[in-house]
Protein backbone atom coordinates (compact mmCIF):
# COMPACT_ATOMS: atom_id res chain seq x y z
CA UNK A 1 134.03 69.18 -180.49
CA UNK A 2 135.60 71.79 -178.22
CA UNK A 3 139.09 70.47 -177.47
CA UNK A 4 140.19 73.42 -175.34
CA UNK A 5 141.56 72.22 -172.02
CA UNK A 6 140.47 73.90 -168.84
CA UNK A 7 143.39 75.05 -166.74
CA UNK A 8 143.23 74.83 -162.97
CA UNK A 9 144.26 77.34 -160.32
CA UNK A 10 147.07 76.42 -157.98
CA UNK A 11 147.86 78.23 -154.74
CA UNK A 12 151.26 78.61 -153.07
CA UNK A 13 151.96 80.26 -149.70
CA UNK A 14 155.16 82.31 -149.53
CA UNK A 15 156.64 85.02 -147.30
CA UNK A 16 158.65 88.15 -147.94
CA UNK A 17 160.68 90.28 -145.52
CA UNK A 18 159.93 94.03 -145.38
CA UNK A 19 161.86 96.07 -142.83
CA UNK A 20 162.27 92.95 -140.71
CA UNK A 21 158.57 92.08 -140.86
CA UNK A 22 157.49 88.79 -142.42
CA UNK A 23 154.66 89.46 -144.86
CA UNK A 24 152.63 86.46 -146.13
CA UNK A 25 152.04 86.15 -149.86
CA UNK A 26 149.46 83.84 -151.40
CA UNK A 27 150.48 83.14 -155.00
CA UNK A 28 147.72 82.10 -157.41
CA UNK A 29 148.64 80.61 -160.78
CA UNK A 30 145.51 80.71 -162.89
CA UNK A 31 144.07 81.27 -166.34
CA UNK A 32 144.91 84.92 -166.98
CA UNK A 33 147.19 87.07 -169.14
CA UNK A 34 148.58 89.62 -166.70
CA UNK A 35 149.87 89.99 -163.17
CA UNK A 36 147.71 91.32 -160.37
CA UNK A 37 148.57 92.15 -156.76
CA UNK A 38 146.25 93.16 -153.92
CA UNK A 39 146.40 93.50 -150.13
CA UNK A 40 143.88 91.11 -148.59
CA UNK A 41 143.17 90.72 -144.87
CA UNK A 42 145.33 87.66 -144.25
CA UNK A 43 147.97 87.88 -147.00
CA UNK A 44 149.15 89.67 -150.11
CA UNK A 45 147.37 88.11 -153.10
CA UNK A 46 149.55 87.78 -156.21
CA UNK A 47 147.88 86.36 -159.31
CA UNK A 48 149.93 85.29 -162.34
CA UNK A 49 149.31 83.24 -165.52
CA UNK A 50 149.67 79.48 -165.19
CA UNK A 51 151.03 79.14 -168.72
CA UNK A 52 154.46 80.21 -169.91
CA UNK A 53 154.57 82.98 -172.46
CA UNK A 54 151.64 84.86 -170.98
CA UNK A 55 151.99 88.05 -168.98
CA UNK A 56 154.70 90.73 -168.92
CA UNK A 57 158.37 89.90 -169.32
CA UNK A 58 160.36 89.37 -166.14
CA UNK A 59 159.93 87.73 -162.75
CA UNK A 60 156.52 88.40 -161.11
CA UNK A 61 158.01 87.95 -157.63
CA UNK A 62 160.63 90.64 -158.29
CA UNK A 63 157.88 92.91 -159.60
CA UNK A 64 155.72 92.16 -156.56
CA UNK A 65 158.57 92.94 -154.15
CA UNK A 66 159.22 96.33 -155.79
CA UNK A 67 155.49 97.13 -155.53
CA UNK A 68 155.38 96.10 -151.87
CA UNK A 69 158.53 98.04 -150.93
CA UNK A 70 157.05 101.20 -152.44
CA UNK A 71 153.70 100.61 -150.71
CA UNK A 72 155.46 99.98 -147.38
CA UNK A 73 157.43 103.24 -147.69
CA UNK A 74 154.23 105.19 -148.41
CA UNK A 75 151.82 103.49 -145.99
CA UNK A 76 153.57 101.15 -143.54
CA UNK A 77 150.46 101.03 -141.33
CA UNK A 78 148.72 98.90 -143.97
CA UNK A 79 151.09 96.04 -143.17
CA UNK A 80 150.19 95.89 -139.48
CA UNK A 81 147.44 93.42 -140.34
CA UNK A 82 150.12 90.86 -141.23
CA UNK A 83 151.84 91.11 -137.87
CA UNK A 84 151.95 87.93 -135.82
CA UNK A 85 150.92 89.92 -132.76
CA UNK A 86 147.40 90.49 -131.48
CA UNK A 87 145.97 92.54 -128.59
CA UNK A 88 146.46 90.86 -125.21
CA UNK A 89 145.27 91.60 -121.69
CA UNK A 90 147.36 94.22 -119.97
CA UNK A 91 147.93 96.34 -123.07
CA UNK A 92 147.67 100.04 -122.21
CA UNK A 93 146.07 102.49 -124.63
CA UNK A 94 146.93 106.14 -124.01
CA UNK A 95 144.16 107.99 -125.82
CA UNK A 96 143.20 111.64 -126.13
CA UNK A 97 140.35 110.84 -123.72
CA UNK A 98 142.33 109.01 -121.07
CA UNK A 99 144.34 105.85 -120.36
CA UNK A 100 142.68 102.45 -120.68
CA UNK A 101 143.87 98.96 -119.77
CA UNK A 102 142.80 96.17 -122.10
CA UNK A 103 141.25 92.93 -120.91
CA UNK A 104 140.41 90.28 -123.50
CA UNK A 105 138.45 87.15 -122.63
CA UNK A 106 137.41 84.21 -124.83
CA UNK A 107 133.95 82.97 -123.96
CA UNK A 108 131.21 80.79 -125.41
CA UNK A 109 129.52 83.23 -127.79
CA UNK A 110 129.17 83.72 -131.54
CA UNK A 111 130.15 87.38 -131.81
CA UNK A 112 132.57 89.74 -130.08
CA UNK A 113 131.63 92.77 -128.03
CA UNK A 114 133.43 95.46 -126.06
CA UNK A 115 132.71 97.71 -123.09
CA UNK A 116 134.57 100.55 -121.35
CA UNK A 117 134.29 101.05 -117.59
CA UNK A 118 136.53 102.87 -115.12
CA UNK A 119 139.69 103.02 -117.21
CA UNK A 120 139.31 99.50 -118.56
CA UNK A 121 138.27 98.28 -121.99
CA UNK A 122 136.87 94.75 -121.81
CA UNK A 123 136.61 92.68 -124.99
CA UNK A 124 134.71 89.40 -125.03
CA UNK A 125 135.26 87.26 -128.12
CA UNK A 126 134.29 83.75 -129.33
CA UNK A 127 136.51 81.06 -127.85
CA UNK A 128 136.53 79.41 -131.28
CA UNK A 129 138.64 82.24 -132.74
CA UNK A 130 142.07 81.06 -133.74
CA UNK A 131 145.25 83.15 -133.67
CA UNK A 132 144.74 84.62 -137.16
CA UNK A 133 141.16 85.64 -136.34
CA UNK A 134 142.34 87.33 -133.16
CA UNK A 135 145.02 89.23 -135.09
CA UNK A 136 142.53 90.49 -137.69
CA UNK A 137 139.32 90.89 -135.70
CA UNK A 138 140.28 92.03 -132.18
CA UNK A 139 141.64 95.44 -133.33
CA UNK A 140 138.35 96.03 -135.15
CA UNK A 141 136.35 95.28 -132.01
CA UNK A 142 138.56 97.58 -129.92
CA UNK A 143 138.14 100.29 -132.55
CA UNK A 144 134.34 100.00 -132.49
CA UNK A 145 134.33 100.11 -128.70
CA UNK A 146 136.41 103.29 -128.58
CA UNK A 147 134.34 104.83 -131.38
CA UNK A 148 131.11 104.27 -129.45
CA UNK A 149 132.59 105.66 -126.23
CA UNK A 150 134.27 108.71 -127.79
CA UNK A 151 131.72 109.67 -130.48
CA UNK A 152 130.10 112.46 -128.46
CA UNK A 153 133.25 114.26 -127.23
CA UNK A 154 134.85 113.87 -130.67
CA UNK A 155 131.85 115.42 -132.41
CA UNK A 156 131.95 118.29 -129.92
CA UNK A 157 135.61 118.92 -130.77
CA UNK A 158 134.82 118.91 -134.50
CA UNK A 159 132.03 121.40 -133.90
CA UNK A 160 134.23 123.60 -131.74
CA UNK A 161 137.07 123.74 -134.27
CA UNK A 162 134.65 124.41 -137.10
CA UNK A 163 132.99 127.26 -135.20
CA UNK A 164 136.32 128.85 -134.26
CA UNK A 165 138.00 128.59 -137.68
CA UNK A 166 135.51 128.03 -140.50
CA UNK A 167 131.79 127.91 -139.72
CA UNK A 168 131.19 125.50 -142.62
CA UNK A 169 128.18 123.24 -142.87
CA UNK A 170 128.67 119.50 -142.59
CA UNK A 171 126.39 116.52 -142.14
CA UNK A 172 127.35 113.18 -140.64
CA UNK A 173 130.54 112.41 -138.70
CA UNK A 174 131.71 108.79 -138.88
CA UNK A 175 134.45 107.03 -136.93
CA UNK A 176 135.94 104.00 -138.66
CA UNK A 177 138.72 101.44 -138.32
CA UNK A 178 140.65 102.90 -141.24
CA UNK A 179 144.29 101.94 -141.73
CA UNK A 180 144.90 103.68 -145.06
CA UNK A 181 143.76 107.26 -144.34
CA UNK A 182 143.34 109.48 -141.29
CA UNK A 183 140.22 111.19 -142.54
CA UNK A 184 138.12 112.08 -145.56
CA UNK A 185 135.42 114.53 -146.59
CA UNK A 186 132.74 113.70 -149.14
CA UNK A 187 131.34 116.17 -151.64
CA UNK A 188 128.00 115.89 -149.82
CA UNK A 189 129.50 117.14 -146.56
CA UNK A 190 130.06 113.94 -144.61
CA UNK A 191 133.22 113.71 -142.50
CA UNK A 192 134.99 110.40 -141.86
CA UNK A 193 137.84 109.85 -139.39
CA UNK A 194 140.05 106.93 -138.42
CA UNK A 195 139.66 105.76 -134.83
CA UNK A 196 143.45 105.44 -134.72
CA UNK A 197 143.48 109.22 -134.22
CA UNK A 198 142.44 108.59 -130.61
CA UNK A 199 145.99 107.26 -130.05
CA UNK A 200 147.67 110.37 -131.48
CA UNK A 201 148.66 113.50 -129.55
CA UNK A 202 145.67 115.88 -129.17
CA UNK A 203 147.28 118.50 -131.43
CA UNK A 204 147.75 115.93 -134.20
CA UNK A 205 144.12 114.86 -133.91
CA UNK A 206 143.07 118.50 -134.13
CA UNK A 207 145.18 118.94 -137.27
CA UNK A 208 143.41 116.05 -139.03
CA UNK A 209 140.03 117.49 -138.02
CA UNK A 210 141.01 120.92 -139.35
CA UNK A 211 142.34 119.30 -142.53
CA UNK A 212 139.02 117.61 -143.25
CA UNK A 213 136.96 120.65 -142.26
CA UNK A 214 139.00 122.72 -144.72
CA UNK A 215 137.91 120.32 -147.46
CA UNK A 216 134.35 121.54 -146.91
CA UNK A 217 135.55 124.81 -148.41
CA UNK A 218 138.04 123.41 -150.91
CA UNK A 219 137.59 119.84 -152.18
CA UNK A 220 141.20 119.64 -153.32
CA UNK A 221 144.73 120.23 -152.13
CA UNK A 222 145.21 123.55 -153.85
CA UNK A 223 147.00 126.59 -152.45
CA UNK A 224 143.65 127.90 -151.26
CA UNK A 225 143.06 124.69 -149.34
CA UNK A 226 146.43 124.78 -147.57
CA UNK A 227 145.92 128.47 -146.80
CA UNK A 228 142.72 127.55 -144.97
CA UNK A 229 144.61 124.90 -142.98
CA UNK A 230 147.53 127.22 -142.20
CA UNK A 231 145.27 130.04 -141.06
CA UNK A 232 143.55 127.70 -138.62
CA UNK A 233 146.77 125.95 -137.54
CA UNK A 234 150.01 127.75 -138.46
CA UNK A 235 152.09 124.83 -137.14
CA UNK A 236 150.30 122.19 -139.22
CA UNK A 237 153.50 121.10 -141.01
CA UNK A 238 154.92 119.67 -137.80
CA UNK A 239 151.75 117.59 -137.37
CA UNK A 240 152.08 116.26 -140.91
CA UNK A 241 155.68 115.29 -140.17
CA UNK A 242 154.67 113.61 -136.93
CA UNK A 243 152.11 111.46 -138.70
CA UNK A 244 154.60 110.44 -141.39
CA UNK A 245 157.17 109.44 -138.78
CA UNK A 246 154.90 107.90 -136.14
CA UNK A 247 151.58 107.12 -137.76
CA UNK A 248 152.44 103.45 -138.35
CA UNK A 249 152.78 102.95 -134.58
CA UNK A 250 149.18 103.97 -133.87
CA UNK A 251 147.35 100.67 -133.77
CA UNK A 252 144.91 98.81 -131.58
């Protein structure tokens, strides 16, 4: 007879303060040997063993805090998803393609949609959405709406900068709601950019475009890569500094 007892998973909801921001933590005690931490949409997920004697020595919450402090210092924008705020009517978005006033309206529908007309971005969302759903989902809808409206002029700017500085070949250009990176370039020649760039100064947006275009020639961050960037934009270092100092403020 197998006398091994099955151990259950228990869940505890906690919070931690990071630079004055309350960050939710969902602690899972379960059948495992190590600690694991991950950033989920609604909370930090921390998983630890539910039996004493398993796992590393020390306090998992102290370990988790050190991990989160380091992550916050490197990429504070990732923690915006845990803010208690959500987009509200009257919010003004100053973008590289003009100023837009936000209007959000809950209605009887199953999905959300957005539309831009005459300096206004209108978002219609399901009236069944609660506060947490509005916090997480509304920025994504706003992002998609801006991406659809700005895709053509953005692609023209990418093409212009490429023609002036590089003349490389690339394939698809994608605009995404990306909170962890500003852009990326695949080895197959696809270019991906965060829609949050629309909220940056035009010169900063151009820097990120040039950065990713340069990767078409050098898929690394070698001296040759940075030489390509510097030749196209001698002042690129100031744009890098601007993003480090202000990037976390660029949110929908």
